[in-house]
Amino acid sequence: MAKRPPRDPAWIPPVYEARDVEALQALQRGDATPDQQGKALDWIVRSGAGAYELSFRSDADGGERETAFAEGRRFVGLQIVKLLSMNGSMIAKLREKDGR
C-alpha cells in the first residue's frame, strides 16, 4: 500500500488568489457585487476556516496540537454556516430574546 504524504500543518495559511483578495476587500468596503459576496464568503468558510475539512491530525501529521489548531479554525466556519442556514422562526426567537 502506498504511503500518503503528510498533511500540511494546520497553521499554514490557506491558499488564495487575486480574486479572493479583491472579493474580501470589496466586502469590507461594502461595495461587493453579489458574485464577490459569494466568493468572499465561500473563501472564508471553505478555505480560511476549513469548515468542511477533517480537523483530526494523526501523530505523524502533528498530533493533538495540530488537531486543536485545525479544530479552532473549523469551529469559526461552522458557526458562520450555522447562522447562514438559520431559518426565520429561529431568527424571530432571537429577536424576542434580544427584546427587538
PDB file of N, CA and C in Angstrom:
ATOM      1  N   MET A   1       0.844  -1.169   0.000  1.00  0.00           N
ATOM      2  CA  MET A   1       0.000   0.000   0.000  1.00  0.00           C
ATOM      3  C   MET A   1       0.897   1.243   0.000  1.00  0.00           C
ATOM      4  N   ALA A   2       0.576   2.191  -0.853  1.00  0.00           N
ATOM      5  CA  ALA A   2       1.367   3.418  -0.940  1.00  0.00           C
ATOM      6  C   ALA A   2       1.116   4.290   0.283  1.00  0.00           C
ATOM      7  N   LYS A   3       2.179   4.878   0.779  1.00  0.00           N
ATOM      8  CA  LYS A   3       2.060   5.764   1.932  1.00  0.00           C
ATOM      9  C   LYS A   3       1.710   7.164   1.445  1.00  0.00           C
ATOM     10  N   ARG A   4       0.695   7.762   2.059  1.00  0.00           N
ATOM     11  CA  ARG A   4       0.286   9.090   1.637  1.00  0.00           C
ATOM     12  C   ARG A   4       1.260  10.130   2.198  1.00  0.00           C
ATOM     13  N   PRO A   5       1.415  11.250   1.523  1.00  0.00           N
ATOM     14  CA  PRO A   5       2.300  12.288   2.044  1.00  0.00           C
ATOM     15  C   PRO A   5       1.674  12.925   3.283  1.00  0.00           C
ATOM     16  N   PRO A   6       2.480  13.478   4.176  1.00  0.00           N
ATOM     17  CA  PRO A   6       1.912  14.118   5.374  1.00  0.00           C
ATOM     18  C   PRO A   6       1.061  15.326   4.990  1.00  0.00           C
ATOM     19  N   ARG A   7       0.069  15.615   5.814  1.00  0.00           N
ATOM     20  CA  ARG A   7      -0.792  16.773   5.579  1.00  0.00           C
ATOM     21  C   ARG A   7      -0.031  18.039   5.919  1.00  0.00           C
ATOM     22  N   ASP A   8      -0.450  19.139   5.298  1.00  0.00           N
ATOM     23  CA  ASP A   8       0.133  20.426   5.667  1.00  0.00           C
ATOM     24  C   ASP A   8      -0.212  20.733   7.115  1.00  0.00           C
ATOM     25  N   PRO A   9       0.686  21.370   7.832  1.00  0.00           N
ATOM     26  CA  PRO A   9       0.350  21.781   9.196  1.00  0.00           C
ATOM     27  C   PRO A   9      -0.880  22.700   9.199  1.00  0.00           C
ATOM     28  N   ALA A  10      -1.693  22.589  10.240  1.00  0.00           N
ATOM     29  CA  ALA A  10      -2.941  23.353  10.319  1.00  0.00           C
ATOM     30  C   ALA A  10      -2.702  24.856  10.363  1.00  0.00           C
ATOM     31  N   TRP A  11      -1.538  25.266  10.799  1.00  0.00           N
ATOM     32  CA  TRP A  11      -1.270  26.690  10.954  1.00  0.00           C
ATOM     33  C   TRP A  11      -0.787  27.368   9.675  1.00  0.00           C
ATOM     34  N   ILE A  12      -0.538  26.601   8.638  1.00  0.00           N
ATOM     35  CA  ILE A  12      -0.123  27.205   7.373  1.00  0.00           C
ATOM     36  C   ILE A  12      -1.318  27.950   6.777  1.00  0.00           C
ATOM     37  N   PRO A  13      -1.131  29.218   6.387  1.00  0.00           N
ATOM     38  CA  PRO A  13      -2.253  29.987   5.827  1.00  0.00           C
ATOM     39  C   PRO A  13      -2.844  29.312   4.591  1.00  0.00           C
ATOM     40  N   PRO A  14      -4.148  29.430   4.416  1.00  0.00           N
ATOM     41  CA  PRO A  14      -4.790  28.824   3.252  1.00  0.00           C
ATOM     42  C   PRO A  14      -4.400  29.541   1.959  1.00  0.00           C
ATOM     43  N   VAL A  15      -4.556  28.839   0.871  1.00  0.00           N
ATOM     44  CA  VAL A  15      -4.247  29.379  -0.445  1.00  0.00           C
ATOM     45  C   VAL A  15      -5.295  30.419  -0.836  1.00  0.00           C
ATOM     46  N   TYR A  16      -4.866  31.473  -1.514  1.00  0.00           N
ATOM     47  CA  TYR A  16      -5.794  32.478  -2.025  1.00  0.00           C
ATOM     48  C   TYR A  16      -5.276  33.008  -3.350  1.00  0.00           C
ATOM     49  N   GLU A  17      -6.210  33.505  -4.128  1.00  0.00           N
ATOM     50  CA  GLU A  17      -5.917  34.083  -5.434  1.00  0.00           C
ATOM     51  C   GLU A  17      -6.283  35.560  -5.401  1.00  0.00           C
ATOM     52  N   ALA A  18      -5.886  36.285  -6.433  1.00  0.00           N
ATOM     53  CA  ALA A  18      -6.206  37.714  -6.521  1.00  0.00           C
ATOM     54  C   ALA A  18      -7.716  37.941  -6.414  1.00  0.00           C
ATOM     55  N   ARG A  19      -8.504  37.074  -7.053  1.00  0.00           N
ATOM     56  CA  ARG A  19      -9.967  37.235  -6.994  1.00  0.00           C
ATOM     57  C   ARG A  19     -10.505  37.106  -5.571  1.00  0.00           C
ATOM     58  N   ASP A  20      -9.892  36.244  -4.769  1.00  0.00           N
ATOM     59  CA  ASP A  20     -10.306  36.096  -3.371  1.00  0.00           C
ATOM     60  C   ASP A  20     -10.030  37.385  -2.603  1.00  0.00           C
ATOM     61  N   VAL A  21      -8.833  37.932  -2.787  1.00  0.00           N
ATOM     62  CA  VAL A  21      -8.438  39.160  -2.096  1.00  0.00           C
ATOM     63  C   VAL A  21      -9.353  40.310  -2.512  1.00  0.00           C
ATOM     64  N   GLU A  22      -9.589  40.436  -3.811  1.00  0.00           N
ATOM     65  CA  GLU A  22     -10.455  41.512  -4.309  1.00  0.00           C
ATOM     66  C   GLU A  22     -11.868  41.378  -3.758  1.00  0.00           C
ATOM     67  N   ALA A  23     -12.384  40.164  -3.705  1.00  0.00           N
ATOM     68  CA  ALA A  23     -13.734  39.938  -3.181  1.00  0.00           C
ATOM     69  C   ALA A  23     -13.815  40.286  -1.701  1.00  0.00           C
ATOM     70  N   LEU A  24     -12.828  39.890  -0.920  1.00  0.00           N
ATOM     71  CA  LEU A  24     -12.824  40.201   0.512  1.00  0.00           C
ATOM     72  C   LEU A  24     -12.690  41.697   0.758  1.00  0.00           C
ATOM     73  N   GLN A  25     -11.841  42.357  -0.011  1.00  0.00           N
ATOM     74  CA  GLN A  25     -11.672  43.800   0.147  1.00  0.00           C
ATOM     75  C   GLN A  25     -12.933  44.556  -0.256  1.00  0.00           C
ATOM     76  N   ALA A  26     -13.606  44.123  -1.321  1.00  0.00           N
ATOM     77  CA  ALA A  26     -14.864  44.741  -1.731  1.00  0.00           C
ATOM     78  C   ALA A  26     -15.939  44.531  -0.671  1.00  0.00           C
ATOM     79  N   LEU A  27     -15.959  43.348  -0.071  1.00  0.00           N
ATOM     80  CA  LEU A  27     -16.902  43.066   1.006  1.00  0.00           C
ATOM     81  C   LEU A  27     -16.660  44.006   2.182  1.00  0.00           C
ATOM     82  N   GLN A  28     -15.403  44.207   2.525  1.00  0.00           N
ATOM     83  CA  GLN A  28     -15.056  45.100   3.634  1.00  0.00           C
ATOM     84  C   GLN A  28     -15.472  46.548   3.337  1.00  0.00           C
ATOM     85  N   ARG A  29     -15.286  46.987   2.097  1.00  0.00           N
ATOM     86  CA  ARG A  29     -15.654  48.355   1.713  1.00  0.00           C
ATOM     87  C   ARG A  29     -17.164  48.537   1.632  1.00  0.00           C
ATOM     88  N   GLY A  30     -17.890  47.420   1.463  1.00  0.00           N
ATOM     89  CA  GLY A  30     -19.342  47.491   1.340  1.00  0.00           C
ATOM     90  C   GLY A  30     -19.829  47.664  -0.076  1.00  0.00           C
ATOM     91  N   ASP A  31     -18.962  47.434  -1.066  1.00  0.00           N
ATOM     92  CA  ASP A  31     -19.386  47.588  -2.456  1.00  0.00           C
ATOM     93  C   ASP A  31     -19.170  46.313  -3.282  1.00  0.00           C
ATOM     94  N   ALA A  32     -19.184  45.168  -2.629  1.00  0.00           N
ATOM     95  CA  ALA A  32     -19.004  43.894  -3.334  1.00  0.00           C
ATOM     96  C   ALA A  32     -20.227  43.570  -4.173  1.00  0.00           C
ATOM     97  N   THR A  33     -19.975  43.074  -5.372  1.00  0.00           N
ATOM     98  CA  THR A  33     -21.070  42.590  -6.209  1.00  0.00           C
ATOM     99  C   THR A  33     -21.625  41.310  -5.582  1.00  0.00           C
ATOM    100  N   PRO A  34     -22.797  40.882  -6.009  1.00  0.00           N
ATOM    101  CA  PRO A  34     -23.302  39.598  -5.491  1.00  0.00           C
ATOM    102  C   PRO A  34     -22.316  38.446  -5.701  1.00  0.00           C
ATOM    103  N   ASP A  35     -21.655  38.409  -6.856  1.00  0.00           N
ATOM    104  CA  ASP A  35     -20.661  37.357  -7.096  1.00  0.00           C
ATOM    105  C   ASP A  35     -19.485  37.462  -6.131  1.00  0.00           C
ATOM    106  N   GLN A  36     -19.029  38.688  -5.887  1.00  0.00           N
ATOM    107  CA  GLN A  36     -17.909  38.884  -4.958  1.00  0.00           C
ATOM    108  C   GLN A  36     -18.317  38.512  -3.540  1.00  0.00           C
ATOM    109  N   GLN A  37     -19.537  38.828  -3.149  1.00  0.00           N
ATOM    110  CA  GLN A  37     -20.007  38.467  -1.817  1.00  0.00           C
ATOM    111  C   GLN A  37     -19.967  36.952  -1.640  1.00  0.00           C
ATOM    112  N   GLY A  38     -20.471  36.241  -2.635  1.00  0.00           N
ATOM    113  CA  GLY A  38     -20.457  34.777  -2.579  1.00  0.00           C
ATOM    114  C   GLY A  38     -19.045  34.226  -2.563  1.00  0.00           C
ATOM    115  N   LYS A  39     -18.170  34.797  -3.396  1.00  0.00           N
ATOM    116  CA  LYS A  39     -16.768  34.362  -3.461  1.00  0.00           C
ATOM    117  C   LYS A  39     -16.088  34.572  -2.117  1.00  0.00           C
ATOM    118  N   ALA A  40     -16.292  35.750  -1.514  1.00  0.00           N
ATOM    119  CA  ALA A  40     -15.660  36.067  -0.231  1.00  0.00           C
ATOM    120  C   ALA A  40     -16.141  35.109   0.859  1.00  0.00           C
ATOM    121  N   LEU A  41     -17.435  34.914   0.941  1.00  0.00           N
ATOM    122  CA  LEU A  41     -17.984  34.033   1.971  1.00  0.00           C
ATOM    123  C   LEU A  41     -17.531  32.592   1.766  1.00  0.00           C
ATOM    124  N   ASP A  42     -17.495  32.163   0.521  1.00  0.00           N
ATOM    125  CA  ASP A  42     -17.025  30.815   0.223  1.00  0.00           C
ATOM    126  C   ASP A  42     -15.566  30.644   0.648  1.00  0.00           C
ATOM    127  N   TRP A  43     -14.737  31.643   0.372  1.00  0.00           N
ATOM    128  CA  TRP A  43     -13.330  31.542   0.769  1.00  0.00           C
ATOM    129  C   TRP A  43     -13.207  31.501   2.291  1.00  0.00           C
ATOM    130  N   ILE A  44     -13.960  32.340   2.988  1.00  0.00           N
ATOM    131  CA  ILE A  44     -13.898  32.369   4.455  1.00  0.00           C
ATOM    132  C   ILE A  44     -14.263  31.006   5.031  1.00  0.00           C
ATOM    133  N   VAL A  45     -15.392  30.466   4.599  1.00  0.00           N
ATOM    134  CA  VAL A  45     -15.904  29.217   5.174  1.00  0.00           C
ATOM    135  C   VAL A  45     -15.065  28.010   4.753  1.00  0.00           C
ATOM    136  N   ARG A  46     -14.799  27.886   3.457  1.00  0.00           N
ATOM    137  CA  ARG A  46     -14.122  26.688   2.961  1.00  0.00           C
ATOM    138  C   ARG A  46     -12.610  26.743   3.128  1.00  0.00           C
ATOM    139  N   SER A  47     -11.993  27.817   2.705  1.00  0.00           N
ATOM    140  CA  SER A  47     -10.529  27.880   2.729  1.00  0.00           C
ATOM    141  C   SER A  47      -9.994  28.451   4.034  1.00  0.00           C
ATOM    142  N   GLY A  48     -10.479  29.626   4.415  1.00  0.00           N
ATOM    143  CA  GLY A  48      -9.975  30.279   5.619  1.00  0.00           C
ATOM    144  C   GLY A  48     -10.229  29.469   6.877  1.00  0.00           C
ATOM    145  N   ALA A  49     -11.470  29.012   7.030  1.00  0.00           N
ATOM    146  CA  ALA A  49     -11.839  28.275   8.240  1.00  0.00           C
ATOM    147  C   ALA A  49     -11.743  26.760   8.078  1.00  0.00           C
ATOM    148  N   GLY A  50     -11.763  26.282   6.854  1.00  0.00           N
ATOM    149  CA  GLY A  50     -11.712  24.827   6.644  1.00  0.00           C
ATOM    150  C   GLY A  50     -12.899  24.114   7.259  1.00  0.00           C
ATOM    151  N   ALA A  51     -14.078  24.741   7.161  1.00  0.00           N
ATOM    152  CA  ALA A  51     -15.262  24.208   7.836  1.00  0.00           C
ATOM    153  C   ALA A  51     -15.612  22.793   7.418  1.00  0.00           C
ATOM    154  N   TYR A  52     -15.317  22.417   6.200  1.00  0.00           N
ATOM    155  CA  TYR A  52     -15.700  21.100   5.711  1.00  0.00           C
ATOM    156  C   TYR A  52     -14.527  20.123   5.658  1.00  0.00           C
ATOM    157  N   GLU A  53     -13.426  20.515   6.257  1.00  0.00           N
ATOM    158  CA  GLU A  53     -12.238  19.664   6.289  1.00  0.00           C
ATOM    159  C   GLU A  53     -12.216  18.839   7.575  1.00  0.00           C
ATOM    160  N   LEU A  54     -11.562  17.726   7.529  1.00  0.00           N
ATOM    161  CA  LEU A  54     -11.345  16.927   8.725  1.00  0.00           C
ATOM    162  C   LEU A  54     -10.253  17.598   9.552  1.00  0.00           C
ATOM    163  N   SER A  55     -10.537  17.925  10.782  1.00  0.00           N
ATOM    164  CA  SER A  55      -9.558  18.629  11.604  1.00  0.00           C
ATOM    165  C   SER A  55      -8.572  17.693  12.296  1.00  0.00           C
ATOM    166  N   PHE A  56      -8.905  16.421  12.404  1.00  0.00           N
ATOM    167  CA  PHE A  56      -8.026  15.467  13.084  1.00  0.00           C
ATOM    168  C   PHE A  56      -6.681  15.364  12.381  1.00  0.00           C
ATOM    169  N   ARG A  57      -5.625  15.390  13.166  1.00  0.00           N
ATOM    170  CA  ARG A  57      -4.266  15.153  12.664  1.00  0.00           C
ATOM    171  C   ARG A  57      -3.684  13.987  13.448  1.00  0.00           C
ATOM    172  N   SER A  58      -3.161  13.011  12.737  1.00  0.00           N
ATOM    173  CA  SER A  58      -2.521  11.874  13.398  1.00  0.00           C
ATOM    174  C   SER A  58      -1.212  12.342  14.015  1.00  0.00           C
ATOM    175  N   ASP A  59      -0.582  11.476  14.793  1.00  0.00           N
ATOM    176  CA  ASP A  59       0.721  11.829  15.368  1.00  0.00           C
ATOM    177  C   ASP A  59       1.727  12.155  14.266  1.00  0.00           C
ATOM    178  N   ALA A  60       1.626  11.451  13.152  1.00  0.00           N
ATOM    179  CA  ALA A  60       2.538  11.703  12.030  1.00  0.00           C
ATOM    180  C   ALA A  60       2.297  13.071  11.398  1.00  0.00           C
ATOM    181  N   ASP A  61       1.083  13.611  11.581  1.00  0.00           N
ATOM    182  CA  ASP A  61       0.729  14.907  10.996  1.00  0.00           C
ATOM    183  C   ASP A  61       0.683  16.024  12.038  1.00  0.00           C
ATOM    184  N   GLY A  62       1.295  15.829  13.175  1.00  0.00           N
ATOM    185  CA  GLY A  62       1.350  16.893  14.182  1.00  0.00           C
ATOM    186  C   GLY A  62       0.580  16.615  15.451  1.00  0.00           C
ATOM    187  N   GLY A  63      -0.258  15.610  15.444  1.00  0.00           N
ATOM    188  CA  GLY A  63      -0.936  15.181  16.656  1.00  0.00           C
ATOM    189  C   GLY A  63      -1.957  16.148  17.223  1.00  0.00           C
ATOM    190  N   GLU A  64      -2.068  16.124  18.555  1.00  0.00           N
ATOM    191  CA  GLU A  64      -3.115  16.867  19.255  1.00  0.00           C
ATOM    192  C   GLU A  64      -3.040  18.374  19.040  1.00  0.00           C
ATOM    193  N   ARG A  65      -1.849  18.933  19.038  1.00  0.00           N
ATOM    194  CA  ARG A  65      -1.736  20.388  18.862  1.00  0.00           C
ATOM    195  C   ARG A  65      -2.215  20.827  17.493  1.00  0.00           C
ATOM    196  N   GLU A  66      -1.836  20.089  16.469  1.00  0.00           N
ATOM    197  CA  GLU A  66      -2.295  20.417  15.113  1.00  0.00           C
ATOM    198  C   GLU A  66      -3.809  20.218  15.001  1.00  0.00           C
ATOM    199  N   THR A  67      -4.320  19.165  15.630  1.00  0.00           N
ATOM    200  CA  THR A  67      -5.758  18.924  15.620  1.00  0.00           C
ATOM    201  C   THR A  67      -6.492  20.073  16.293  1.00  0.00           C
ATOM    202  N   ALA A  68      -6.006  20.509  17.449  1.00  0.00           N
ATOM    203  CA  ALA A  68      -6.646  21.609  18.181  1.00  0.00           C
ATOM    204  C   ALA A  68      -6.637  22.893  17.353  1.00  0.00           C
ATOM    205  N   PHE A  69      -5.538  23.177  16.705  1.00  0.00           N
ATOM    206  CA  PHE A  69      -5.440  24.370  15.871  1.00  0.00           C
ATOM    207  C   PHE A  69      -6.440  24.277  14.711  1.00  0.00           C
ATOM    208  N   ALA A  70      -6.461  23.142  14.033  1.00  0.00           N
ATOM    209  CA  ALA A  70      -7.377  22.954  12.910  1.00  0.00           C
ATOM    210  C   ALA A  70      -8.828  23.023  13.374  1.00  0.00           C
ATOM    211  N   GLU A  71      -9.116  22.482  14.540  1.00  0.00           N
ATOM    212  CA  GLU A  71     -10.482  22.496  15.055  1.00  0.00           C
ATOM    213  C   GLU A  71     -10.916  23.911  15.424  1.00  0.00           C
ATOM    214  N   GLY A  72      -9.998  24.736  15.903  1.00  0.00           N
ATOM    215  CA  GLY A  72     -10.316  26.136  16.189  1.00  0.00           C
ATOM    216  C   GLY A  72     -10.739  26.873  14.931  1.00  0.00           C
ATOM    217  N   ARG A  73      -9.990  26.684  13.868  1.00  0.00           N
ATOM    218  CA  ARG A  73     -10.350  27.310  12.590  1.00  0.00           C
ATOM    219  C   ARG A  73     -11.702  26.791  12.109  1.00  0.00           C
ATOM    220  N   ARG A  74     -11.876  25.501  12.182  1.00  0.00           N
ATOM    221  CA  ARG A  74     -13.100  24.869  11.690  1.00  0.00           C
ATOM    222  C   ARG A  74     -14.326  25.327  12.473  1.00  0.00           C
ATOM    223  N   PHE A  75     -14.182  25.524  13.773  1.00  0.00           N
ATOM    224  CA  PHE A  75     -15.286  25.963  14.625  1.00  0.00           C
ATOM    225  C   PHE A  75     -15.851  27.289  14.123  1.00  0.00           C
ATOM    226  N   VAL A  76     -14.978  28.209  13.774  1.00  0.00           N
ATOM    227  CA  VAL A  76     -15.428  29.510  13.271  1.00  0.00           C
ATOM    228  C   VAL A  76     -16.258  29.322  12.001  1.00  0.00           C
ATOM    229  N   GLY A  77     -15.770  28.523  11.081  1.00  0.00           N
ATOM    230  CA  GLY A  77     -16.506  28.272   9.848  1.00  0.00           C
ATOM    231  C   GLY A  77     -17.859  27.639  10.095  1.00  0.00           C
ATOM    232  N   LEU A  78     -17.910  26.698  11.021  1.00  0.00           N
ATOM    233  CA  LEU A  78     -19.177  26.034  11.316  1.00  0.00           C
ATOM    234  C   LEU A  78     -20.181  26.982  11.961  1.00  0.00           C
ATOM    235  N   GLN A  79     -19.707  27.940  12.749  1.00  0.00           N
ATOM    236  CA  GLN A  79     -20.613  28.930  13.337  1.00  0.00           C
ATOM    237  C   GLN A  79     -21.196  29.829  12.255  1.00  0.00           C
ATOM    238  N   ILE A  80     -20.385  30.208  11.282  1.00  0.00           N
ATOM    239  CA  ILE A  80     -20.875  31.009  10.166  1.00  0.00           C
ATOM    240  C   ILE A  80     -21.908  30.221   9.373  1.00  0.00           C
ATOM    241  N   VAL A  81     -21.611  28.963   9.076  1.00  0.00           N
ATOM    242  CA  VAL A  81     -22.549  28.118   8.340  1.00  0.00           C
ATOM    243  C   VAL A  81     -23.859  27.990   9.109  1.00  0.00           C
ATOM    244  N   LYS A  82     -23.783  27.825  10.422  1.00  0.00           N
ATOM    245  CA  LYS A  82     -24.991  27.707  11.244  1.00  0.00           C
ATOM    246  C   LYS A  82     -25.855  28.963  11.119  1.00  0.00           C
ATOM    247  N   LEU A  83     -25.241  30.133  11.212  1.00  0.00           N
ATOM    248  CA  LEU A  83     -26.005  31.374  11.129  1.00  0.00           C
ATOM    249  C   LEU A  83     -26.583  31.582   9.730  1.00  0.00           C
ATOM    250  N   LEU A  84     -25.843  31.195   8.708  1.00  0.00           N
ATOM    251  CA  LEU A  84     -26.329  31.345   7.336  1.00  0.00           C
ATOM    252  C   LEU A  84     -27.516  30.439   7.040  1.00  0.00           C
ATOM    253  N   SER A  85     -27.589  29.322   7.715  1.00  0.00           N
ATOM    254  CA  SER A  85     -28.672  28.371   7.439  1.00  0.00           C
ATOM    255  C   SER A  85     -29.812  28.462   8.449  1.00  0.00           C
ATOM    256  N   MET A  86     -29.754  29.424   9.357  1.00  0.00           N
ATOM    257  CA  MET A  86     -30.792  29.568  10.372  1.00  0.00           C
ATOM    258  C   MET A  86     -32.103  30.018   9.721  1.00  0.00           C
ATOM    259  N   ASN A  87     -33.201  29.367  10.090  1.00  0.00           N
ATOM    260  CA  ASN A  87     -34.492  29.710   9.482  1.00  0.00           C
ATOM    261  C   ASN A  87     -35.146  30.905  10.176  1.00  0.00           C
ATOM    262  N   GLY A  88     -36.182  31.422   9.541  1.00  0.00           N
ATOM    263  CA  GLY A  88     -36.852  32.628  10.024  1.00  0.00           C
ATOM    264  C   GLY A  88     -37.428  32.509  11.415  1.00  0.00           C
ATOM    265  N   SER A  89     -37.963  31.349  11.771  1.00  0.00           N
ATOM    266  CA  SER A  89     -38.554  31.205  13.108  1.00  0.00           C
ATOM    267  C   SER A  89     -37.478  31.281  14.200  1.00  0.00           C
ATOM    268  N   MET A  90     -36.295  30.740  13.924  1.00  0.00           N
ATOM    269  CA  MET A  90     -35.200  30.839  14.897  1.00  0.00           C
ATOM    270  C   MET A  90     -34.737  32.295  15.037  1.00  0.00           C
ATOM    271  N   ILE A  91     -34.687  33.003  13.929  1.00  0.00           N
ATOM    272  CA  ILE A  91     -34.288  34.417  13.969  1.00  0.00           C
ATOM    273  C   ILE A  91     -35.322  35.217  14.761  1.00  0.00           C
ATOM    274  N   ALA A  92     -36.610  34.914  14.570  1.00  0.00           N
ATOM    275  CA  ALA A  92     -37.671  35.594  15.320  1.00  0.00           C
ATOM    276  C   ALA A  92     -37.511  35.334  16.821  1.00  0.00           C
ATOM    277  N   LYS A  93     -37.161  34.107  17.203  1.00  0.00           N
ATOM    278  CA  LYS A  93     -36.946  33.803  18.623  1.00  0.00           C
ATOM    279  C   LYS A  93     -35.768  34.589  19.179  1.00  0.00           C
ATOM    280  N   LEU A  94     -34.731  34.744  18.375  1.00  0.00           N
ATOM    281  CA  LEU A  94     -33.583  35.540  18.811  1.00  0.00           C
ATOM    282  C   LEU A  94     -33.971  36.995  19.009  1.00  0.00           C
ATOM    283  N   ARG A  95     -34.803  37.512  18.110  1.00  0.00           N
ATOM    284  CA  ARG A  95     -35.258  38.906  18.244  1.00  0.00           C
ATOM    285  C   ARG A  95     -36.064  39.079  19.536  1.00  0.00           C
ATOM    286  N   GLU A  96     -36.937  38.122  19.847  1.00  0.00           N
ATOM    287  CA  GLU A  96     -37.722  38.177  21.077  1.00  0.00           C
ATOM    288  C   GLU A  96     -36.796  38.183  22.286  1.00  0.00           C
ATOM    289  N   LYS A  97     -35.815  37.322  22.247  1.00  0.00           N
ATOM    290  CA  LYS A  97     -34.863  37.215  23.345  1.00  0.00           C
ATOM    291  C   LYS A  97     -34.080  38.520  23.519  1.00  0.00           C
ATOM    292  N   ASP A  98     -33.739  39.163  22.395  1.00  0.00           N
ATOM    293  CA  ASP A  98     -32.987  40.414  22.431  1.00  0.00           C
ATOM    294  C   ASP A  98     -33.879  41.610  22.741  1.00  0.00           C
ATOM    295  N   GLY A  99     -35.208  41.395  22.768  1.00  0.00           N
ATOM    296  CA  GLY A  99     -36.116  42.490  23.070  1.00  0.00           C
ATOM    297  C   GLY A  99     -36.371  43.410  21.888  1.00  0.00           C
ATOM    298  N   ARG A 100     -36.220  42.894  20.673  1.00  0.00           N
ATOM    299  CA  ARG A 100     -36.460  43.728  19.488  1.00  0.00           C
ATOM    300  C   ARG A 100     -37.698  43.299  18.775  1.00  0.00           C
TER     301      ARG A 100
END
